[in-house]
Each structure stands twice: as structure tokens, then as C-alpha cells.
mmCIF file of all heavy atoms, coordinates in Angstrom:
data_MODEL
# 
_entry.id   MODEL 
# 
loop_
_atom_site.group_PDB 
_atom_site.id 
_atom_site.type_symbol 
_atom_site.label_atom_id 
_atom_site.label_alt_id 
_atom_site.label_comp_id 
_atom_site.label_asym_id 
_atom_site.label_entity_id 
_atom_site.label_seq_id 
_atom_site.pdbx_PDB_ins_code 
_atom_site.Cartn_x 
_atom_site.Cartn_y 
_atom_site.Cartn_z 
_atom_site.occupancy 
_atom_site.B_iso_or_equiv 
_atom_site.pdbx_formal_charge 
_atom_site.auth_seq_id 
_atom_site.auth_comp_id 
_atom_site.auth_asym_id 
_atom_site.auth_atom_id 
_atom_site.pdbx_PDB_model_num 
ATOM 1   N N   . ASN A 1 1  ? 0.800   -1.220 0.000   1.00 0.00 ? 1  ASN A N   1 
ATOM 2   C CA  . ASN A 1 1  ? 0.000   0.000  0.000   1.00 0.00 ? 1  ASN A CA  1 
ATOM 3   C C   . ASN A 1 1  ? 0.834   1.271  0.000   1.00 0.00 ? 1  ASN A C   1 
ATOM 4   O O   . ASN A 1 1  ? 0.287   2.365  0.000   1.00 0.00 ? 1  ASN A O   1 
ATOM 5   C CB  . ASN A 1 1  ? -0.939  0.018  1.221   1.00 0.00 ? 1  ASN A CB  1 
ATOM 6   C CG  . ASN A 1 1  ? -2.064  -0.983 1.071   1.00 0.00 ? 1  ASN A CG  1 
ATOM 7   O OD1 . ASN A 1 1  ? -2.493  -1.281 -0.038  1.00 0.00 ? 1  ASN A OD1 1 
ATOM 8   N ND2 . ASN A 1 1  ? -2.535  -1.512 2.184   1.00 0.00 ? 1  ASN A ND2 1 
ATOM 9   N N   . ASN A 1 2  ? 2.161   1.141  0.033   1.00 0.00 ? 2  ASN A N   1 
ATOM 10  C CA  . ASN A 1 2  ? 3.002   2.320  -0.011  1.00 0.00 ? 2  ASN A CA  1 
ATOM 11  C C   . ASN A 1 2  ? 3.008   2.891  -1.421  1.00 0.00 ? 2  ASN A C   1 
ATOM 12  O O   . ASN A 1 2  ? 3.248   2.187  -2.385  1.00 0.00 ? 2  ASN A O   1 
ATOM 13  C CB  . ASN A 1 2  ? 4.429   1.953  0.395   1.00 0.00 ? 2  ASN A CB  1 
ATOM 14  C CG  . ASN A 1 2  ? 5.352   3.155  0.396   1.00 0.00 ? 2  ASN A CG  1 
ATOM 15  O OD1 . ASN A 1 2  ? 5.879   3.534  -0.640  1.00 0.00 ? 2  ASN A OD1 1 
ATOM 16  N ND2 . ASN A 1 2  ? 5.524   3.748  1.558   1.00 0.00 ? 2  ASN A ND2 1 
ATOM 17  N N   . ALA A 1 3  ? 2.728   4.203  -1.570  1.00 0.00 ? 3  ALA A N   1 
ATOM 18  C CA  . ALA A 1 3  ? 2.572   4.809  -2.897  1.00 0.00 ? 3  ALA A CA  1 
ATOM 19  C C   . ALA A 1 3  ? 3.832   4.654  -3.733  1.00 0.00 ? 3  ALA A C   1 
ATOM 20  O O   . ALA A 1 3  ? 3.764   4.361  -4.927  1.00 0.00 ? 3  ALA A O   1 
ATOM 21  C CB  . ALA A 1 3  ? 2.214   6.285  -2.759  1.00 0.00 ? 3  ALA A CB  1 
ATOM 22  N N   . ASN A 1 4  ? 5.022   4.845  -3.134  1.00 0.00 ? 4  ASN A N   1 
ATOM 23  C CA  . ASN A 1 4  ? 6.257   4.731  -3.902  1.00 0.00 ? 4  ASN A CA  1 
ATOM 24  C C   . ASN A 1 4  ? 6.466   3.318  -4.414  1.00 0.00 ? 4  ASN A C   1 
ATOM 25  O O   . ASN A 1 4  ? 6.932   3.102  -5.531  1.00 0.00 ? 4  ASN A O   1 
ATOM 26  C CB  . ASN A 1 4  ? 7.451   5.165  -3.046  1.00 0.00 ? 4  ASN A CB  1 
ATOM 27  C CG  . ASN A 1 4  ? 7.415   6.643  -2.719  1.00 0.00 ? 4  ASN A CG  1 
ATOM 28  O OD1 . ASN A 1 4  ? 6.942   7.430  -3.533  1.00 0.00 ? 4  ASN A OD1 1 
ATOM 29  N ND2 . ASN A 1 4  ? 7.881   7.001  -1.548  1.00 0.00 ? 4  ASN A ND2 1 
ATOM 30  N N   . GLU A 1 5  ? 6.114   2.327  -3.605  1.00 0.00 ? 5  GLU A N   1 
ATOM 31  C CA  . GLU A 1 5  ? 6.237   0.945  -4.040  1.00 0.00 ? 5  GLU A CA  1 
ATOM 32  C C   . GLU A 1 5  ? 5.263   0.645  -5.175  1.00 0.00 ? 5  GLU A C   1 
ATOM 33  O O   . GLU A 1 5  ? 5.581   -0.101 -6.109  1.00 0.00 ? 5  GLU A O   1 
ATOM 34  C CB  . GLU A 1 5  ? 5.990   -0.001 -2.867  1.00 0.00 ? 5  GLU A CB  1 
ATOM 35  C CG  . GLU A 1 5  ? 7.106   -0.042 -1.843  1.00 0.00 ? 5  GLU A CG  1 
ATOM 36  C CD  . GLU A 1 5  ? 8.402   -0.549 -2.455  1.00 0.00 ? 5  GLU A CD  1 
ATOM 37  O OE1 . GLU A 1 5  ? 8.364   -1.569 -3.177  1.00 0.00 ? 5  GLU A OE1 1 
ATOM 38  O OE2 . GLU A 1 5  ? 9.450   0.088  -2.236  1.00 0.00 ? 5  GLU A OE2 1 
ATOM 39  N N   . VAL A 1 6  ? 4.063   1.227  -5.095  1.00 0.00 ? 6  VAL A N   1 
ATOM 40  C CA  . VAL A 1 6  ? 3.080   1.013  -6.152  1.00 0.00 ? 6  VAL A CA  1 
ATOM 41  C C   . VAL A 1 6  ? 3.602   1.530  -7.478  1.00 0.00 ? 6  VAL A C   1 
ATOM 42  O O   . VAL A 1 6  ? 3.534   0.858  -8.504  1.00 0.00 ? 6  VAL A O   1 
ATOM 43  C CB  . VAL A 1 6  ? 1.747   1.703  -5.796  1.00 0.00 ? 6  VAL A CB  1 
ATOM 44  C CG1 . VAL A 1 6  ? 0.831   1.752  -7.013  1.00 0.00 ? 6  VAL A CG1 1 
ATOM 45  C CG2 . VAL A 1 6  ? 1.054   0.972  -4.659  1.00 0.00 ? 6  VAL A CG2 1 
ATOM 46  N N   . ILE A 1 7  ? 4.159   2.749  -7.490  1.00 0.00 ? 7  ILE A N   1 
ATOM 47  C CA  . ILE A 1 7  ? 4.691   3.317  -8.714  1.00 0.00 ? 7  ILE A CA  1 
ATOM 48  C C   . ILE A 1 7  ? 5.816   2.442  -9.254  1.00 0.00 ? 7  ILE A C   1 
ATOM 49  O O   . ILE A 1 7  ? 5.898   2.168  -10.452 1.00 0.00 ? 7  ILE A O   1 
ATOM 50  C CB  . ILE A 1 7  ? 5.209   4.750  -8.473  1.00 0.00 ? 7  ILE A CB  1 
ATOM 51  C CG1 . ILE A 1 7  ? 4.072   5.646  -7.988  1.00 0.00 ? 7  ILE A CG1 1 
ATOM 52  C CG2 . ILE A 1 7  ? 5.834   5.315  -9.734  1.00 0.00 ? 7  ILE A CG2 1 
ATOM 53  C CD1 . ILE A 1 7  ? 2.920   5.769  -8.949  1.00 0.00 ? 7  ILE A CD1 1 
ATOM 54  N N   . LYS A 1 8  ? 6.688   1.952  -8.372  1.00 0.00 ? 8  LYS A N   1 
ATOM 55  C CA  . LYS A 1 8  ? 7.789   1.092  -8.799  1.00 0.00 ? 8  LYS A CA  1 
ATOM 56  C C   . LYS A 1 8  ? 7.263   -0.197 -9.405  1.00 0.00 ? 8  LYS A C   1 
ATOM 57  O O   . LYS A 1 8  ? 7.763   -0.687 -10.418 1.00 0.00 ? 8  LYS A O   1 
ATOM 58  C CB  . LYS A 1 8  ? 8.703   0.796  -7.605  1.00 0.00 ? 8  LYS A CB  1 
ATOM 59  C CG  . LYS A 1 8  ? 9.960   -0.002 -7.979  1.00 0.00 ? 8  LYS A CG  1 
ATOM 60  C CD  . LYS A 1 8  ? 10.946  -0.042 -6.825  1.00 0.00 ? 8  LYS A CD  1 
ATOM 61  C CE  . LYS A 1 8  ? 10.389  -0.832 -5.655  1.00 0.00 ? 8  LYS A CE  1 
ATOM 62  N NZ  . LYS A 1 8  ? 11.383  -0.962 -4.560  1.00 0.00 ? 8  LYS A NZ  1 
ATOM 63  N N   . ASN A 1 9  ? 6.213   -0.760 -8.811  1.00 0.00 ? 9  ASN A N   1 
ATOM 64  C CA  . ASN A 1 9  ? 5.647   -1.991 -9.329  1.00 0.00 ? 9  ASN A CA  1 
ATOM 65  C C   . ASN A 1 9  ? 5.033   -1.792 -10.713 1.00 0.00 ? 9  ASN A C   1 
ATOM 66  O O   . ASN A 1 9  ? 5.060   -2.697 -11.544 1.00 0.00 ? 9  ASN A O   1 
ATOM 67  C CB  . ASN A 1 9  ? 4.584   -2.527 -8.369  1.00 0.00 ? 9  ASN A CB  1 
ATOM 68  C CG  . ASN A 1 9  ? 5.186   -3.117 -7.116  1.00 0.00 ? 9  ASN A CG  1 
ATOM 69  O OD1 . ASN A 1 9  ? 6.355   -3.466 -7.100  1.00 0.00 ? 9  ASN A OD1 1 
ATOM 70  N ND2 . ASN A 1 9  ? 4.388   -3.209 -6.061  1.00 0.00 ? 9  ASN A ND2 1 
ATOM 71  N N   . LEU A 1 10 ? 4.454   -0.619 -10.953 1.00 0.00 ? 10 LEU A N   1 
ATOM 72  C CA  . LEU A 1 10 ? 3.843   -0.362 -12.252 1.00 0.00 ? 10 LEU A CA  1 
ATOM 73  C C   . LEU A 1 10 ? 4.865   -0.480 -13.376 1.00 0.00 ? 10 LEU A C   1 
ATOM 74  O O   . LEU A 1 10 ? 4.549   -0.902 -14.481 1.00 0.00 ? 10 LEU A O   1 
ATOM 75  C CB  . LEU A 1 10 ? 3.224   1.045  -12.281 1.00 0.00 ? 10 LEU A CB  1 
ATOM 76  C CG  . LEU A 1 10 ? 2.014   1.275  -11.385 1.00 0.00 ? 10 LEU A CG  1 
ATOM 77  C CD1 . LEU A 1 10 ? 1.507   2.691  -11.554 1.00 0.00 ? 10 LEU A CD1 1 
ATOM 78  C CD2 . LEU A 1 10 ? 0.911   0.291  -11.712 1.00 0.00 ? 10 LEU A CD2 1 
ATOM 79  N N   . VAL A 1 11 ? 6.091   -0.083 -13.095 1.00 0.00 ? 11 VAL A N   1 
ATOM 80  C CA  . VAL A 1 11 ? 7.143   -0.130 -14.106 1.00 0.00 ? 11 VAL A CA  1 
ATOM 81  C C   . VAL A 1 11 ? 7.574   -1.569 -14.379 1.00 0.00 ? 11 VAL A C   1 
ATOM 82  O O   . VAL A 1 11 ? 7.876   -1.953 -15.506 1.00 0.00 ? 11 VAL A O   1 
ATOM 83  C CB  . VAL A 1 11 ? 8.352   0.715  -13.667 1.00 0.00 ? 11 VAL A CB  1 
ATOM 84  C CG1 . VAL A 1 11 ? 9.494   0.589  -14.663 1.00 0.00 ? 11 VAL A CG1 1 
ATOM 85  C CG2 . VAL A 1 11 ? 7.937   2.166  -13.500 1.00 0.00 ? 11 VAL A CG2 1 
ATOM 86  N N   . SER A 1 12 ? 7.570   -2.388 -13.329 1.00 0.00 ? 12 SER A N   1 
ATOM 87  C CA  . SER A 1 12 ? 8.142   -3.730 -13.450 1.00 0.00 ? 12 SER A CA  1 
ATOM 88  C C   . SER A 1 12 ? 7.127   -4.793 -13.857 1.00 0.00 ? 12 SER A C   1 
ATOM 89  O O   . SER A 1 12 ? 7.516   -5.866 -14.296 1.00 0.00 ? 12 SER A O   1 
ATOM 90  C CB  . SER A 1 12 ? 8.789   -4.129 -12.122 1.00 0.00 ? 12 SER A CB  1 
ATOM 91  O OG  . SER A 1 12 ? 7.816   -4.182 -11.093 1.00 0.00 ? 12 SER A OG  1 
ATOM 92  N N   . GLN A 1 13 ? 5.835   -4.547 -13.687 1.00 0.00 ? 13 GLN A N   1 
ATOM 93  C CA  . GLN A 1 13 ? 4.850   -5.573 -13.990 1.00 0.00 ? 13 GLN A CA  1 
ATOM 94  C C   . GLN A 1 13 ? 4.765   -5.836 -15.492 1.00 0.00 ? 13 GLN A C   1 
ATOM 95  O O   . GLN A 1 13 ? 4.734   -4.912 -16.298 1.00 0.00 ? 13 GLN A O   1 
ATOM 96  C CB  . GLN A 1 13 ? 3.464   -5.145 -13.484 1.00 0.00 ? 13 GLN A CB  1 
ATOM 97  C CG  . GLN A 1 13 ? 3.330   -5.113 -11.974 1.00 0.00 ? 13 GLN A CG  1 
ATOM 98  C CD  . GLN A 1 13 ? 3.310   -6.506 -11.370 1.00 0.00 ? 13 GLN A CD  1 
ATOM 99  O OE1 . GLN A 1 13 ? 3.140   -7.490 -12.068 1.00 0.00 ? 13 GLN A OE1 1 
ATOM 100 N NE2 . GLN A 1 13 ? 3.478   -6.592 -10.074 1.00 0.00 ? 13 GLN A NE2 1 
ATOM 101 N N   . THR A 1 14 ? 4.741   -7.100 -15.871 1.00 0.00 ? 14 THR A N   1 
ATOM 102 C CA  . THR A 1 14 ? 4.602   -7.467 -17.278 1.00 0.00 ? 14 THR A CA  1 
ATOM 103 C C   . THR A 1 14 ? 3.152   -7.856 -17.539 1.00 0.00 ? 14 THR A C   1 
ATOM 104 O O   . THR A 1 14 ? 2.808   -9.036 -17.671 1.00 0.00 ? 14 THR A O   1 
ATOM 105 C CB  . THR A 1 14 ? 5.536   -8.630 -17.630 1.00 0.00 ? 14 THR A CB  1 
ATOM 106 O OG1 . THR A 1 14 ? 5.275   -9.719 -16.741 1.00 0.00 ? 14 THR A OG1 1 
ATOM 107 C CG2 . THR A 1 14 ? 6.986   -8.207 -17.517 1.00 0.00 ? 14 THR A CG2 1 
ATOM 108 N N   . ILE A 1 15 ? 2.284   -6.867 -17.613 1.00 0.00 ? 15 ILE A N   1 
ATOM 109 C CA  . ILE A 1 15 ? 0.869   -7.115 -17.862 1.00 0.00 ? 15 ILE A CA  1 
ATOM 110 C C   . ILE A 1 15 ? 0.480   -6.444 -19.176 1.00 0.00 ? 15 ILE A C   1 
ATOM 111 O O   . ILE A 1 15 ? 1.088   -5.454 -19.588 1.00 0.00 ? 15 ILE A O   1 
ATOM 112 C CB  . ILE A 1 15 ? -0.010  -6.600 -16.701 1.00 0.00 ? 15 ILE A CB  1 
ATOM 113 C CG1 . ILE A 1 15 ? 0.076   -5.078 -16.569 1.00 0.00 ? 15 ILE A CG1 1 
ATOM 114 C CG2 . ILE A 1 15 ? 0.369   -7.275 -15.409 1.00 0.00 ? 15 ILE A CG2 1 
ATOM 115 C CD1 . ILE A 1 15 ? -0.865  -4.518 -15.519 1.00 0.00 ? 15 ILE A CD1 1 
ATOM 116 N N   . PRO A 1 16 ? -0.516  -6.974 -19.857 1.00 0.00 ? 16 PRO A N   1 
ATOM 117 C CA  . PRO A 1 16 ? -0.948  -6.374 -21.117 1.00 0.00 ? 16 PRO A CA  1 
ATOM 118 C C   . PRO A 1 16 ? -1.423  -4.936 -20.906 1.00 0.00 ? 16 PRO A C   1 
ATOM 119 O O   . PRO A 1 16 ? -2.183  -4.650 -19.984 1.00 0.00 ? 16 PRO A O   1 
ATOM 120 C CB  . PRO A 1 16 ? -2.103  -7.274 -21.561 1.00 0.00 ? 16 PRO A CB  1 
ATOM 121 C CG  . PRO A 1 16 ? -1.867  -8.570 -20.877 1.00 0.00 ? 16 PRO A CG  1 
ATOM 122 C CD  . PRO A 1 16 ? -1.258  -8.208 -19.554 1.00 0.00 ? 16 PRO A CD  1 
ATOM 123 N N   . THR A 1 17 ? -0.981  -4.044 -21.782 1.00 0.00 ? 17 THR A N   1 
ATOM 124 C CA  . THR A 1 17 ? -1.327  -2.634 -21.679 1.00 0.00 ? 17 THR A CA  1 
ATOM 125 C C   . THR A 1 17 ? -2.195  -2.225 -22.862 1.00 0.00 ? 17 THR A C   1 
ATOM 126 O O   . THR A 1 17 ? -1.833  -2.473 -24.014 1.00 0.00 ? 17 THR A O   1 
ATOM 127 C CB  . THR A 1 17 ? -0.065  -1.763 -21.652 1.00 0.00 ? 17 THR A CB  1 
ATOM 128 O OG1 . THR A 1 17 ? 0.695   -2.088 -20.491 1.00 0.00 ? 17 THR A OG1 1 
ATOM 129 C CG2 . THR A 1 17 ? -0.415  -0.289 -21.596 1.00 0.00 ? 17 THR A CG2 1 
ATOM 130 N N   . ILE A 1 18 ? -3.327  -1.625 -22.568 1.00 0.00 ? 18 ILE A N   1 
ATOM 131 C CA  . ILE A 1 18 ? -4.198  -1.067 -23.599 1.00 0.00 ? 18 ILE A CA  1 
ATOM 132 C C   . ILE A 1 18 ? -4.007  0.440  -23.579 1.00 0.00 ? 18 ILE A C   1 
ATOM 133 O O   . ILE A 1 18 ? -4.341  1.101  -22.593 1.00 0.00 ? 18 ILE A O   1 
ATOM 134 C CB  . ILE A 1 18 ? -5.669  -1.441 -23.358 1.00 0.00 ? 18 ILE A CB  1 
ATOM 135 C CG1 . ILE A 1 18 ? -5.824  -2.969 -23.330 1.00 0.00 ? 18 ILE A CG1 1 
ATOM 136 C CG2 . ILE A 1 18 ? -6.546  -0.844 -24.440 1.00 0.00 ? 18 ILE A CG2 1 
ATOM 137 C CD1 . ILE A 1 18 ? -7.223  -3.436 -23.009 1.00 0.00 ? 18 ILE A CD1 1 
ATOM 138 N N   . ILE A 1 19 ? -3.466  0.998  -24.653 1.00 0.00 ? 19 ILE A N   1 
ATOM 139 C CA  . ILE A 1 19 ? -3.095  2.405  -24.707 1.00 0.00 ? 19 ILE A CA  1 
ATOM 140 C C   . ILE A 1 19 ? -4.153  3.187  -25.478 1.00 0.00 ? 19 ILE A C   1 
ATOM 141 O O   . ILE A 1 19 ? -4.579  2.780  -26.558 1.00 0.00 ? 19 ILE A O   1 
ATOM 142 C CB  . ILE A 1 19 ? -1.711  2.574  -25.358 1.00 0.00 ? 19 ILE A CB  1 
ATOM 143 C CG1 . ILE A 1 19 ? -0.656  1.847  -24.515 1.00 0.00 ? 19 ILE A CG1 1 
ATOM 144 C CG2 . ILE A 1 19 ? -1.343  4.046  -25.495 1.00 0.00 ? 19 ILE A CG2 1 
ATOM 145 C CD1 . ILE A 1 19 ? 0.728   1.852  -25.126 1.00 0.00 ? 19 ILE A CD1 1 
ATOM 146 N N   . TYR A 1 20 ? -4.541  4.312  -24.911 1.00 0.00 ? 20 TYR A N   1 
ATOM 147 C CA  . TYR A 1 20 ? -5.591  5.144  -25.507 1.00 0.00 ? 20 TYR A CA  1 
ATOM 148 C C   . TYR A 1 20 ? -5.088  5.800  -26.787 1.00 0.00 ? 20 TYR A C   1 
ATOM 149 O O   . TYR A 1 20 ? -4.028  6.410  -26.817 1.00 0.00 ? 20 TYR A O   1 
ATOM 150 C CB  . TYR A 1 20 ? -6.014  6.220  -24.511 1.00 0.00 ? 20 TYR A CB  1 
ATOM 151 C CG  . TYR A 1 20 ? -7.332  6.898  -24.825 1.00 0.00 ? 20 TYR A CG  1 
ATOM 152 C CD1 . TYR A 1 20 ? -8.487  6.531  -24.156 1.00 0.00 ? 20 TYR A CD1 1 
ATOM 153 C CD2 . TYR A 1 20 ? -7.420  7.903  -25.789 1.00 0.00 ? 20 TYR A CD2 1 
ATOM 154 C CE1 . TYR A 1 20 ? -9.692  7.148  -24.422 1.00 0.00 ? 20 TYR A CE1 1 
ATOM 155 C CE2 . TYR A 1 20 ? -8.618  8.521  -26.068 1.00 0.00 ? 20 TYR A CE2 1 
ATOM 156 C CZ  . TYR A 1 20 ? -9.760  8.142  -25.384 1.00 0.00 ? 20 TYR A CZ  1 
ATOM 157 O OH  . TYR A 1 20 ? -10.953 8.754  -25.670 1.00 0.00 ? 20 TYR A OH  1 
ATOM 158 N N   . GLY A 1 21 ? -5.878  5.704  -27.859 1.00 0.00 ? 21 GLY A N   1 
ATOM 159 C CA  . GLY A 1 21 ? -5.598  6.390  -29.104 1.00 0.00 ? 21 GLY A CA  1 
ATOM 160 C C   . GLY A 1 21 ? -6.829  7.130  -29.577 1.00 0.00 ? 21 GLY A C   1 
ATOM 161 O O   . GLY A 1 21 ? -7.961  6.767  -29.244 1.00 0.00 ? 21 GLY A O   1 
ATOM 162 N N   . GLY A 1 22 ? -6.635  8.196  -30.357 1.00 0.00 ? 22 GLY A N   1 
ATOM 163 C CA  . GLY A 1 22 ? -7.764  8.973  -30.837 1.00 0.00 ? 22 GLY A CA  1 
ATOM 164 C C   . GLY A 1 22 ? -8.368  9.839  -29.748 1.00 0.00 ? 22 GLY A C   1 
ATOM 165 O O   . GLY A 1 22 ? -7.728  10.128 -28.731 1.00 0.00 ? 22 GLY A O   1 
ATOM 166 N N   . THR A 1 23 ? -9.624  10.254 -29.922 1.00 0.00 ? 23 THR A N   1 
ATOM 167 C CA  . THR A 1 23 ? -10.324 11.107 -28.968 1.00 0.00 ? 23 THR A CA  1 
ATOM 168 C C   . THR A 1 23 ? -11.792 10.705 -28.889 1.00 0.00 ? 23 THR A C   1 
ATOM 169 O O   . THR A 1 23 ? -12.330 10.055 -29.785 1.00 0.00 ? 23 THR A O   1 
ATOM 170 C CB  . THR A 1 23 ? -10.244 12.597 -29.379 1.00 0.00 ? 23 THR A CB  1 
ATOM 171 O OG1 . THR A 1 23 ? -10.845 12.760 -30.685 1.00 0.00 ? 23 THR A OG1 1 
ATOM 172 C CG2 . THR A 1 23 ? -8.813  13.094 -29.418 1.00 0.00 ? 23 THR A CG2 1 
ATOM 173 N N   . GLY A 1 24 ? -12.445 11.123 -27.798 1.00 0.00 ? 24 GLY A N   1 
ATOM 174 C CA  . GLY A 1 24 ? -13.897 11.046 -27.692 1.00 0.00 ? 24 GLY A CA  1 
ATOM 175 C C   . GLY A 1 24 ? -14.489 9.663  -27.537 1.00 0.00 ? 24 GLY A C   1 
ATOM 176 O O   . GLY A 1 24 ? -15.599 9.405  -28.012 1.00 0.00 ? 24 GLY A O   1 
ATOM 177 N N   . HIS A 1 25 ? -13.805 8.759  -26.847 1.00 0.00 ? 25 HIS A N   1 
ATOM 178 C CA  . HIS A 1 25 ? -14.356 7.423  -26.653 1.00 0.00 ? 25 HIS A CA  1 
ATOM 179 C C   . HIS A 1 25 ? -13.777 6.809  -25.386 1.00 0.00 ? 25 HIS A C   1 
ATOM 180 O O   . HIS A 1 25 ? -12.781 7.277  -24.847 1.00 0.00 ? 25 HIS A O   1 
ATOM 181 C CB  . HIS A 1 25 ? -14.027 6.524  -27.854 1.00 0.00 ? 25 HIS A CB  1 
ATOM 182 C CG  . HIS A 1 25 ? -12.567 6.235  -28.005 1.00 0.00 ? 25 HIS A CG  1 
ATOM 183 N ND1 . HIS A 1 25 ? -11.950 5.143  -27.424 1.00 0.00 ? 25 HIS A ND1 1 
ATOM 184 C CD2 . HIS A 1 25 ? -11.576 6.911  -28.652 1.00 0.00 ? 25 HIS A CD2 1 
ATOM 185 C CE1 . HIS A 1 25 ? -10.665 5.140  -27.714 1.00 0.00 ? 25 HIS A CE1 1 
ATOM 186 N NE2 . HIS A 1 25 ? -10.400 6.209  -28.454 1.00 0.00 ? 25 HIS A NE2 1 
# 
């Protein structure tokens, strides 16, 4: 639950990423 650890984990996790493209949806 430590915020700094959470941010660090986000970088290291190998999970599928859906990236936003375009606008208005």
C-alpha cells in the first residue's frame, strides 16, 4: 500500500497494456 512501491511496481509488472488512441471514446 506504499505509494512509492506502487509506482515502482507499475514499471516492473509485465501485464498487457491497452493504450488510448484517438479522442472522444
